[in-house]
């Protein structure tokens, strides 16, 4: 999976060999892959938000 995300491995695409899908749209590094990764990141950030460290209070 890491090789597909890094773009080093051959993408697994479904379709006709005579008319293969466009790699810009399909595949892990294509438009659809980026949209799916963005949706997954949004879901993860909403489920488990990043806790911020408490800020020190300035005293005068």
N, C-alpha and C. Protein backbone atom coordinates (compact mmCIF):
# COMPACT_ATOMS: atom_id res chain seq x y z
N UNK A 1 0.83 -1.20 0.00
CA UNK A 1 0.00 0.00 0.00
C UNK A 1 0.86 1.25 0.00
N UNK A 2 1.97 1.22 0.77
CA UNK A 2 2.84 2.38 0.84
C UNK A 2 3.43 2.68 -0.52
N UNK A 3 3.76 1.65 -1.28
CA UNK A 3 4.31 1.87 -2.61
C UNK A 3 3.30 2.52 -3.53
N UNK A 4 2.03 2.18 -3.38
CA UNK A 4 1.01 2.80 -4.23
C UNK A 4 0.82 4.27 -3.87
N UNK A 5 0.85 4.58 -2.57
CA UNK A 5 0.68 5.97 -2.16
C UNK A 5 1.88 6.80 -2.59
N UNK A 6 3.08 6.22 -2.50
CA UNK A 6 4.29 6.94 -2.89
C UNK A 6 4.42 7.05 -4.40
N UNK A 7 3.63 6.30 -5.12
CA UNK A 7 3.68 6.34 -6.57
C UNK A 7 4.78 5.46 -7.15
N UNK A 8 5.33 4.55 -6.34
CA UNK A 8 6.43 3.71 -6.80
C UNK A 8 5.96 2.38 -7.36
N UNK A 9 4.81 1.95 -6.95
CA UNK A 9 4.31 0.66 -7.41
C UNK A 9 3.31 0.84 -8.54
N UNK A 10 3.02 -0.24 -9.25
CA UNK A 10 2.02 -0.13 -10.32
C UNK A 10 0.62 0.00 -9.72
N UNK A 11 -0.16 0.95 -10.18
CA UNK A 11 -1.52 1.10 -9.63
C UNK A 11 -2.42 -0.04 -10.10
N UNK A 12 -3.29 -0.47 -9.22
CA UNK A 12 -4.25 -1.50 -9.58
C UNK A 12 -5.51 -0.79 -10.09
N UNK A 13 -5.76 -0.91 -11.35
CA UNK A 13 -6.90 -0.25 -11.96
C UNK A 13 -7.79 -1.30 -12.61
N UNK A 14 -9.07 -1.08 -12.55
CA UNK A 14 -10.02 -1.97 -13.17
C UNK A 14 -10.52 -1.32 -14.45
N UNK A 15 -10.62 -2.11 -15.48
CA UNK A 15 -11.12 -1.57 -16.73
C UNK A 15 -10.63 -2.38 -17.90
N UNK A 16 -10.89 -1.89 -19.07
CA UNK A 16 -10.52 -2.57 -20.30
C UNK A 16 -9.07 -2.29 -20.64
N UNK A 17 -8.34 -3.33 -21.10
CA UNK A 17 -6.95 -3.14 -21.51
C UNK A 17 -6.88 -2.31 -22.79
N UNK A 18 -7.92 -2.36 -23.59
CA UNK A 18 -7.93 -1.59 -24.83
C UNK A 18 -8.10 -0.10 -24.54
N UNK A 19 -8.81 0.23 -23.49
CA UNK A 19 -9.03 1.62 -23.12
C UNK A 19 -8.88 1.75 -21.60
N UNK A 20 -7.63 1.82 -21.11
CA UNK A 20 -7.41 1.88 -19.67
C UNK A 20 -7.86 3.21 -19.09
N UNK A 21 -8.17 3.24 -17.80
CA UNK A 21 -8.59 4.48 -17.17
C UNK A 21 -7.44 5.49 -17.11
N UNK A 22 -7.78 6.73 -17.02
CA UNK A 22 -6.81 7.81 -16.94
C UNK A 22 -6.15 7.78 -15.56
N UNK A 23 -4.81 7.73 -15.49
CA UNK A 23 -4.10 7.66 -14.21
C UNK A 23 -4.22 8.95 -13.41
N UNK A 24 -4.53 10.06 -14.06
CA UNK A 24 -4.71 11.31 -13.33
C UNK A 24 -5.99 11.26 -12.51
N UNK A 25 -7.00 10.57 -13.00
CA UNK A 25 -8.27 10.49 -12.29
C UNK A 25 -8.32 9.27 -11.37
N UNK A 26 -7.86 8.13 -11.85
CA UNK A 26 -7.98 6.88 -11.10
C UNK A 26 -6.68 6.56 -10.39
N UNK A 27 -6.74 5.62 -9.47
CA UNK A 27 -5.55 5.16 -8.77
C UNK A 27 -5.37 5.87 -7.44
N UNK A 28 -4.41 5.37 -6.65
CA UNK A 28 -4.17 5.91 -5.32
C UNK A 28 -3.62 7.33 -5.36
N UNK A 29 -2.87 7.67 -6.41
CA UNK A 29 -2.31 9.01 -6.50
C UNK A 29 -3.08 9.91 -7.45
N UNK A 30 -4.18 9.42 -7.98
CA UNK A 30 -5.01 10.22 -8.87
C UNK A 30 -5.99 11.08 -8.10
N UNK A 31 -6.84 11.76 -8.83
CA UNK A 31 -7.81 12.67 -8.22
C UNK A 31 -8.73 11.95 -7.25
N UNK A 32 -9.22 10.79 -7.65
CA UNK A 32 -10.12 10.03 -6.77
C UNK A 32 -9.39 9.58 -5.50
N UNK A 33 -8.14 9.18 -5.64
CA UNK A 33 -7.35 8.77 -4.48
C UNK A 33 -7.14 9.91 -3.50
N UNK A 34 -6.84 11.10 -4.03
CA UNK A 34 -6.65 12.26 -3.16
C UNK A 34 -7.94 12.64 -2.44
N UNK A 35 -9.06 12.54 -3.15
CA UNK A 35 -10.35 12.87 -2.52
C UNK A 35 -10.65 11.87 -1.40
N UNK A 36 -10.40 10.59 -1.66
CA UNK A 36 -10.65 9.58 -0.62
C UNK A 36 -9.73 9.79 0.58
N UNK A 37 -8.47 10.14 0.34
CA UNK A 37 -7.55 10.40 1.47
C UNK A 37 -7.98 11.64 2.25
N UNK A 38 -8.49 12.66 1.58
CA UNK A 38 -8.95 13.86 2.26
C UNK A 38 -10.18 13.58 3.11
N UNK A 39 -11.09 12.78 2.58
CA UNK A 39 -12.29 12.41 3.35
C UNK A 39 -11.89 11.57 4.57
N UNK A 40 -10.96 10.66 4.39
CA UNK A 40 -10.49 9.85 5.51
C UNK A 40 -9.80 10.71 6.56
N UNK A 41 -8.99 11.66 6.14
CA UNK A 41 -8.33 12.56 7.10
C UNK A 41 -9.34 13.42 7.85
N UNK A 42 -10.35 13.91 7.15
CA UNK A 42 -11.39 14.70 7.81
C UNK A 42 -12.15 13.87 8.83
N UNK A 43 -12.47 12.64 8.47
CA UNK A 43 -13.17 11.74 9.40
C UNK A 43 -12.33 11.46 10.63
N UNK A 44 -11.05 11.18 10.44
CA UNK A 44 -10.17 10.87 11.57
C UNK A 44 -10.00 12.09 12.47
N UNK A 45 -9.85 13.27 11.88
CA UNK A 45 -9.68 14.47 12.70
C UNK A 45 -10.96 14.82 13.47
N UNK A 46 -12.10 14.50 12.92
CA UNK A 46 -13.36 14.76 13.65
C UNK A 46 -13.59 13.73 14.76
N UNK A 47 -13.18 12.49 14.51
CA UNK A 47 -13.35 11.44 15.52
C UNK A 47 -12.37 11.61 16.67
N UNK A 48 -11.10 11.88 16.35
CA UNK A 48 -10.06 12.02 17.35
C UNK A 48 -9.35 13.34 17.16
N UNK A 49 -9.91 14.44 17.69
CA UNK A 49 -9.29 15.75 17.48
C UNK A 49 -7.94 15.83 18.19
N UNK A 50 -7.09 16.68 17.67
CA UNK A 50 -5.76 16.88 18.25
C UNK A 50 -5.90 17.73 19.49
N UNK A 51 -5.39 17.21 20.63
CA UNK A 51 -5.47 17.96 21.88
C UNK A 51 -4.36 19.01 21.91
N UNK A 52 -4.73 20.22 22.23
CA UNK A 52 -3.74 21.29 22.29
C UNK A 52 -3.15 21.35 23.70
N UNK A 53 -1.88 21.66 23.77
CA UNK A 53 -1.21 21.79 25.06
C UNK A 53 -1.70 23.07 25.73
N UNK A 54 -1.89 23.03 27.06
CA UNK A 54 -2.34 24.24 27.74
C UNK A 54 -1.26 25.32 27.66
N UNK A 55 -1.72 26.56 27.42
CA UNK A 55 -0.79 27.69 27.31
C UNK A 55 -0.57 28.31 28.67
N UNK A 56 0.67 28.70 28.98
CA UNK A 56 0.91 29.34 30.29
C UNK A 56 0.25 30.72 30.34
N UNK A 57 -0.21 31.06 31.51
CA UNK A 57 -0.87 32.35 31.72
C UNK A 57 0.20 33.38 32.07
N UNK A 58 0.20 34.48 31.36
CA UNK A 58 1.18 35.53 31.61
C UNK A 58 0.80 36.29 32.88
N UNK A 59 1.78 36.54 33.71
CA UNK A 59 1.54 37.33 34.93
C UNK A 59 2.24 38.67 34.79
N UNK A 60 1.59 39.72 35.28
CA UNK A 60 2.16 41.07 35.15
C UNK A 60 3.01 41.46 36.32
